[in-house]
Amino acid sequence: MRLNEIDFNDSAPVDGYGPGFFRIGSEVFHGPVLTGPGGTQSWGGYEDRDTLLALAGHVDVLFLGTGSEIAHIPAELRTALDDQNLGVEVMSSPAAARTYNVLLSEGRRIALAMLPVA
């Protein structure tokens, strides 16, 4: 069996999550979180759209985790992200974390914003 070392560049993978928290790059974050090429930070949720809009031009796709279940994001947020040509994929936070990790290992220009699971 051949093993390959994975290089995540300057971004950290999602190591785990639980009720109200995420573990990213061995650090625990409580509440909503944003991670990508600029590092990992707390995120203010759907109302904090400026933080997401700042990703335009730096990432090709933003994965947006909506918590335990998939849900629609506010239409105003979707429009603002579309206006900046920032691709958005909405899914549950667990699915978003898994997808982010896979594409991060491929060296893609991506970011991840997630609401915590219940």
N, C-alpha and C. Protein backbone atom coordinates (compact mmCIF):
# COMPACT_ATOMS: atom_id res chain seq x y z
N MET A 1 0.85 -1.17 0.00
CA MET A 1 0.00 0.00 0.00
C MET A 1 0.89 1.23 0.00
N ARG A 2 0.58 2.17 -0.88
CA ARG A 2 1.35 3.41 -0.97
C ARG A 2 0.64 4.49 -0.17
N LEU A 3 1.39 5.19 0.69
CA LEU A 3 0.83 6.28 1.48
C LEU A 3 1.36 7.60 0.94
N ASN A 4 0.49 8.57 0.88
CA ASN A 4 0.88 9.91 0.44
C ASN A 4 0.66 10.90 1.57
N GLU A 5 1.65 11.74 1.80
CA GLU A 5 1.49 12.79 2.79
C GLU A 5 0.64 13.90 2.20
N ILE A 6 -0.30 14.41 2.99
CA ILE A 6 -1.18 15.48 2.52
C ILE A 6 -0.63 16.81 2.99
N ASP A 7 -0.52 17.76 2.08
CA ASP A 7 -0.07 19.11 2.39
C ASP A 7 -1.26 20.05 2.27
N PHE A 8 -1.62 20.71 3.36
CA PHE A 8 -2.77 21.60 3.35
C PHE A 8 -2.37 23.05 3.10
N ASN A 9 -1.15 23.31 2.66
CA ASN A 9 -0.66 24.67 2.43
C ASN A 9 -0.79 25.50 3.69
N ASP A 10 -1.37 26.68 3.60
CA ASP A 10 -1.51 27.56 4.76
C ASP A 10 -2.84 27.38 5.48
N SER A 11 -3.67 26.48 5.02
CA SER A 11 -4.98 26.25 5.62
C SER A 11 -4.94 25.02 6.49
N ALA A 12 -5.89 24.95 7.42
CA ALA A 12 -5.96 23.81 8.33
C ALA A 12 -7.23 23.01 8.06
N PRO A 13 -7.15 21.69 8.14
CA PRO A 13 -8.35 20.86 7.95
C PRO A 13 -9.24 20.87 9.19
N VAL A 14 -10.48 20.48 8.99
CA VAL A 14 -11.40 20.30 10.12
C VAL A 14 -11.10 18.94 10.72
N ASP A 15 -10.68 18.94 11.98
CA ASP A 15 -10.32 17.70 12.67
C ASP A 15 -11.52 17.03 13.32
N GLY A 16 -12.54 17.82 13.68
CA GLY A 16 -13.71 17.26 14.32
C GLY A 16 -14.70 18.35 14.69
N TYR A 17 -15.85 17.94 15.20
CA TYR A 17 -16.88 18.88 15.62
C TYR A 17 -17.80 18.17 16.60
N GLY A 18 -18.55 18.97 17.32
CA GLY A 18 -19.53 18.44 18.26
C GLY A 18 -20.54 19.53 18.57
N PRO A 19 -21.40 19.32 19.52
CA PRO A 19 -22.43 20.31 19.83
C PRO A 19 -21.81 21.67 20.19
N GLY A 20 -21.94 22.63 19.29
CA GLY A 20 -21.49 23.99 19.56
C GLY A 20 -20.03 24.28 19.30
N PHE A 21 -19.24 23.33 18.82
CA PHE A 21 -17.81 23.59 18.61
C PHE A 21 -17.27 22.88 17.38
N PHE A 22 -16.12 23.40 16.93
CA PHE A 22 -15.37 22.78 15.84
C PHE A 22 -13.91 22.69 16.27
N ARG A 23 -13.22 21.64 15.85
CA ARG A 23 -11.77 21.53 16.06
C ARG A 23 -11.13 21.63 14.68
N ILE A 24 -10.37 22.70 14.49
CA ILE A 24 -9.74 22.97 13.20
C ILE A 24 -8.25 23.18 13.44
N GLY A 25 -7.43 22.36 12.78
CA GLY A 25 -6.00 22.47 12.97
C GLY A 25 -5.60 22.30 14.42
N SER A 26 -6.27 21.40 15.14
CA SER A 26 -6.00 21.07 16.54
C SER A 26 -6.41 22.16 17.52
N GLU A 27 -7.10 23.20 17.06
CA GLU A 27 -7.58 24.28 17.93
C GLU A 27 -9.11 24.22 17.98
N VAL A 28 -9.68 24.46 19.15
CA VAL A 28 -11.13 24.40 19.33
C VAL A 28 -11.73 25.79 19.20
N PHE A 29 -12.81 25.88 18.42
CA PHE A 29 -13.56 27.12 18.22
C PHE A 29 -15.01 26.86 18.60
N HIS A 30 -15.58 27.75 19.41
CA HIS A 30 -16.97 27.62 19.82
C HIS A 30 -17.82 28.57 18.98
N GLY A 31 -18.98 28.09 18.55
CA GLY A 31 -19.88 28.91 17.75
C GLY A 31 -19.51 28.86 16.28
N PRO A 32 -20.12 29.75 15.48
CA PRO A 32 -19.84 29.78 14.04
C PRO A 32 -18.36 30.06 13.77
N VAL A 33 -17.84 29.48 12.69
CA VAL A 33 -16.41 29.59 12.39
C VAL A 33 -16.20 29.74 10.88
N LEU A 34 -15.12 30.43 10.54
CA LEU A 34 -14.70 30.61 9.15
C LEU A 34 -13.25 30.18 9.05
N THR A 35 -12.94 29.35 8.06
CA THR A 35 -11.56 28.92 7.86
C THR A 35 -11.24 28.90 6.37
N GLY A 36 -9.99 29.15 6.07
CA GLY A 36 -9.56 29.19 4.68
C GLY A 36 -8.13 29.68 4.59
N PRO A 37 -7.76 30.27 3.44
CA PRO A 37 -6.38 30.68 3.23
C PRO A 37 -5.86 31.71 4.24
N GLY A 38 -6.75 32.51 4.81
CA GLY A 38 -6.33 33.54 5.77
C GLY A 38 -6.29 33.05 7.20
N GLY A 39 -6.52 31.76 7.43
CA GLY A 39 -6.54 31.22 8.78
C GLY A 39 -7.95 30.92 9.22
N THR A 40 -8.09 30.67 10.50
CA THR A 40 -9.37 30.31 11.09
C THR A 40 -9.76 31.35 12.12
N GLN A 41 -11.04 31.73 12.11
CA GLN A 41 -11.53 32.74 13.05
C GLN A 41 -12.99 32.50 13.36
N SER A 42 -13.45 33.10 14.44
CA SER A 42 -14.88 33.07 14.73
C SER A 42 -15.60 33.86 13.65
N TRP A 43 -16.83 33.48 13.39
CA TRP A 43 -17.62 34.13 12.36
C TRP A 43 -18.95 34.54 12.97
N GLY A 44 -19.48 35.68 12.58
CA GLY A 44 -20.71 36.21 13.16
C GLY A 44 -21.99 35.64 12.60
N GLY A 45 -21.92 34.60 11.79
CA GLY A 45 -23.11 34.01 11.22
C GLY A 45 -23.58 34.76 9.99
N TYR A 46 -24.80 34.51 9.58
CA TYR A 46 -25.32 35.07 8.34
C TYR A 46 -25.27 36.59 8.29
N GLU A 47 -25.39 37.26 9.43
CA GLU A 47 -25.36 38.72 9.46
C GLU A 47 -23.97 39.28 9.18
N ASP A 48 -22.95 38.46 9.34
CA ASP A 48 -21.55 38.89 9.14
C ASP A 48 -21.13 38.62 7.70
N ARG A 49 -21.81 39.24 6.77
CA ARG A 49 -21.51 38.96 5.36
C ARG A 49 -20.24 39.63 4.87
N ASP A 50 -19.81 40.74 5.50
CA ASP A 50 -18.58 41.42 5.06
C ASP A 50 -17.37 40.50 5.17
N THR A 51 -17.33 39.67 6.20
CA THR A 51 -16.23 38.73 6.36
C THR A 51 -16.20 37.75 5.20
N LEU A 52 -17.37 37.31 4.77
CA LEU A 52 -17.44 36.37 3.64
C LEU A 52 -17.11 37.08 2.33
N LEU A 53 -17.60 38.31 2.16
CA LEU A 53 -17.34 39.05 0.93
C LEU A 53 -15.86 39.36 0.75
N ALA A 54 -15.13 39.45 1.85
CA ALA A 54 -13.68 39.70 1.78
C ALA A 54 -12.93 38.54 1.13
N LEU A 55 -13.57 37.38 1.02
CA LEU A 55 -12.94 36.21 0.40
C LEU A 55 -12.92 36.30 -1.13
N ALA A 56 -13.74 37.18 -1.70
CA ALA A 56 -13.83 37.31 -3.16
C ALA A 56 -12.45 37.60 -3.73
N GLY A 57 -12.10 36.85 -4.77
CA GLY A 57 -10.80 36.98 -5.41
C GLY A 57 -9.71 36.13 -4.78
N HIS A 58 -9.97 35.63 -3.56
CA HIS A 58 -8.98 34.80 -2.86
C HIS A 58 -9.33 33.32 -2.90
N VAL A 59 -10.63 33.03 -3.06
CA VAL A 59 -11.08 31.64 -3.16
C VAL A 59 -12.04 31.52 -4.33
N ASP A 60 -12.14 30.31 -4.85
CA ASP A 60 -13.07 30.05 -5.95
C ASP A 60 -14.43 29.61 -5.43
N VAL A 61 -14.44 28.90 -4.30
CA VAL A 61 -15.68 28.37 -3.75
C VAL A 61 -15.68 28.53 -2.23
N LEU A 62 -16.82 28.96 -1.72
CA LEU A 62 -17.06 29.02 -0.28
C LEU A 62 -18.07 27.93 0.06
N PHE A 63 -17.70 27.03 0.94
CA PHE A 63 -18.63 26.03 1.45
C PHE A 63 -19.28 26.63 2.68
N LEU A 64 -20.61 26.64 2.70
CA LEU A 64 -21.35 27.24 3.80
C LEU A 64 -22.16 26.16 4.50
N GLY A 65 -21.74 25.82 5.71
CA GLY A 65 -22.41 24.80 6.51
C GLY A 65 -23.52 25.41 7.34
N THR A 66 -24.72 24.89 7.21
CA THR A 66 -25.90 25.47 7.83
C THR A 66 -26.29 24.81 9.16
N GLY A 67 -25.38 24.10 9.78
CA GLY A 67 -25.68 23.42 11.04
C GLY A 67 -25.95 21.94 10.81
N SER A 68 -26.76 21.37 11.67
CA SER A 68 -27.02 19.93 11.62
C SER A 68 -27.73 19.50 10.34
N GLU A 69 -28.58 20.35 9.83
CA GLU A 69 -29.37 20.04 8.63
C GLU A 69 -29.12 21.09 7.56
N ILE A 70 -29.29 20.71 6.32
CA ILE A 70 -29.17 21.67 5.23
C ILE A 70 -30.36 22.63 5.30
N ALA A 71 -30.10 23.91 5.04
CA ALA A 71 -31.15 24.92 5.07
C ALA A 71 -30.81 26.01 4.06
N HIS A 72 -31.79 26.78 3.68
CA HIS A 72 -31.55 27.90 2.77
C HIS A 72 -30.84 29.01 3.54
N ILE A 73 -29.91 29.70 2.86
CA ILE A 73 -29.30 30.88 3.47
C ILE A 73 -30.16 32.08 3.10
N PRO A 74 -30.04 33.18 3.84
CA PRO A 74 -30.84 34.36 3.51
C PRO A 74 -30.58 34.82 2.06
N ALA A 75 -31.66 35.19 1.38
CA ALA A 75 -31.56 35.60 -0.03
C ALA A 75 -30.62 36.78 -0.21
N GLU A 76 -30.61 37.71 0.73
CA GLU A 76 -29.72 38.88 0.63
C GLU A 76 -28.25 38.46 0.66
N LEU A 77 -27.94 37.48 1.49
CA LEU A 77 -26.56 36.98 1.56
C LEU A 77 -26.18 36.29 0.27
N ARG A 78 -27.04 35.45 -0.25
CA ARG A 78 -26.78 34.75 -1.52
C ARG A 78 -26.54 35.77 -2.64
N THR A 79 -27.37 36.80 -2.72
CA THR A 79 -27.24 37.83 -3.76
C THR A 79 -25.92 38.58 -3.61
N ALA A 80 -25.55 38.95 -2.39
CA ALA A 80 -24.29 39.67 -2.17
C ALA A 80 -23.09 38.83 -2.58
N LEU A 81 -23.10 37.54 -2.27
CA LEU A 81 -22.00 36.65 -2.65
C LEU A 81 -21.96 36.46 -4.16
N ASP A 82 -23.12 36.29 -4.78
CA ASP A 82 -23.19 36.14 -6.24
C ASP A 82 -22.68 37.40 -6.94
N ASP A 83 -23.03 38.57 -6.40
CA ASP A 83 -22.59 39.84 -6.99
C ASP A 83 -21.07 39.98 -6.99
N GLN A 84 -20.39 39.30 -6.06
CA GLN A 84 -18.93 39.32 -5.98
C GLN A 84 -18.30 38.15 -6.73
N ASN A 85 -19.12 37.40 -7.47
CA ASN A 85 -18.65 36.22 -8.21
C ASN A 85 -17.97 35.20 -7.31
N LEU A 86 -18.47 35.07 -6.12
CA LEU A 86 -17.95 34.09 -5.17
C LEU A 86 -18.87 32.87 -5.19
N GLY A 87 -18.36 31.74 -5.69
CA GLY A 87 -19.15 30.53 -5.74
C GLY A 87 -19.47 30.05 -4.34
N VAL A 88 -20.72 29.66 -4.12
CA VAL A 88 -21.17 29.21 -2.80
C VAL A 88 -21.85 27.85 -2.93
N GLU A 89 -21.45 26.92 -2.08
CA GLU A 89 -22.10 25.61 -1.99
C GLU A 89 -22.66 25.49 -0.59
N VAL A 90 -23.96 25.38 -0.47
CA VAL A 90 -24.64 25.29 0.82
C VAL A 90 -24.95 23.84 1.13
N MET A 91 -24.61 23.40 2.33
CA MET A 91 -24.88 22.03 2.78
C MET A 91 -24.85 22.01 4.30
N SER A 92 -25.18 20.88 4.89
CA SER A 92 -25.08 20.77 6.35
C SER A 92 -23.61 20.96 6.74
N SER A 93 -23.38 21.38 7.97
CA SER A 93 -22.00 21.59 8.42
C SER A 93 -21.14 20.33 8.38
N PRO A 94 -21.65 19.14 8.79
CA PRO A 94 -20.83 17.94 8.66
C PRO A 94 -20.42 17.65 7.21
N ALA A 95 -21.36 17.78 6.28
CA ALA A 95 -21.02 17.54 4.86
C ALA A 95 -20.06 18.61 4.35
N ALA A 96 -20.25 19.84 4.77
CA ALA A 96 -19.36 20.92 4.34
C ALA A 96 -17.93 20.69 4.84
N ALA A 97 -17.80 20.23 6.07
CA ALA A 97 -16.47 19.97 6.63
C ALA A 97 -15.76 18.85 5.87
N ARG A 98 -16.49 17.78 5.57
CA ARG A 98 -15.89 16.67 4.82
C ARG A 98 -15.46 17.11 3.42
N THR A 99 -16.33 17.83 2.74
CA THR A 99 -16.04 18.28 1.38
C THR A 99 -14.85 19.24 1.39
N TYR A 100 -14.84 20.15 2.35
CA TYR A 100 -13.73 21.10 2.48
C TYR A 100 -12.40 20.35 2.65
N ASN A 101 -12.37 19.36 3.53
CA ASN A 101 -11.13 18.62 3.77
C ASN A 101 -10.62 17.93 2.50
N VAL A 102 -11.53 17.32 1.75
CA VAL A 102 -11.13 16.61 0.53
C VAL A 102 -10.55 17.60 -0.48
N LEU A 103 -11.26 18.69 -0.73
CA LEU A 103 -10.79 19.65 -1.73
C LEU A 103 -9.55 20.41 -1.25
N LEU A 104 -9.45 20.63 0.04
CA LEU A 104 -8.24 21.27 0.59
C LEU A 104 -7.02 20.39 0.33
N SER A 105 -7.18 19.09 0.47
CA SER A 105 -6.06 18.17 0.24
C SER A 105 -5.64 18.15 -1.22
N GLU A 106 -6.54 18.60 -2.11
CA GLU A 106 -6.22 18.68 -3.54
C GLU A 106 -5.62 20.02 -3.92
N GLY A 107 -5.46 20.91 -2.94
CA GLY A 107 -4.83 22.20 -3.20
C GLY A 107 -5.77 23.24 -3.80
N ARG A 108 -7.07 23.06 -3.65
CA ARG A 108 -8.04 23.99 -4.21
C ARG A 108 -8.09 25.30 -3.43
N ARG A 109 -8.55 26.35 -4.10
CA ARG A 109 -8.72 27.67 -3.48
C ARG A 109 -10.13 27.74 -2.89
N ILE A 110 -10.26 27.34 -1.62
CA ILE A 110 -11.57 27.23 -1.00
C ILE A 110 -11.56 27.83 0.40
N ALA A 111 -12.76 28.08 0.90
CA ALA A 111 -12.95 28.50 2.28
C ALA A 111 -14.20 27.81 2.81
N LEU A 112 -14.36 27.84 4.12
CA LEU A 112 -15.46 27.15 4.78
C LEU A 112 -15.99 28.02 5.91
N ALA A 113 -17.29 28.30 5.87
CA ALA A 113 -17.98 28.98 6.96
C ALA A 113 -19.04 28.02 7.47
N MET A 114 -19.09 27.82 8.79
CA MET A 114 -20.03 26.83 9.34
C MET A 114 -20.73 27.35 10.57
N LEU A 115 -22.02 27.01 10.65
CA LEU A 115 -22.77 27.17 11.88
C LEU A 115 -22.63 25.86 12.64
N PRO A 116 -22.60 25.92 13.98
CA PRO A 116 -22.40 24.68 14.74
C PRO A 116 -23.57 23.72 14.64
N VAL A 117 -23.29 22.46 14.91
CA VAL A 117 -24.33 21.44 14.96
C VAL A 117 -24.95 21.45 16.36
N ALA A 118 -26.17 20.98 16.45
CA ALA A 118 -26.87 20.96 17.75
C ALA A 118 -26.34 19.86 18.63
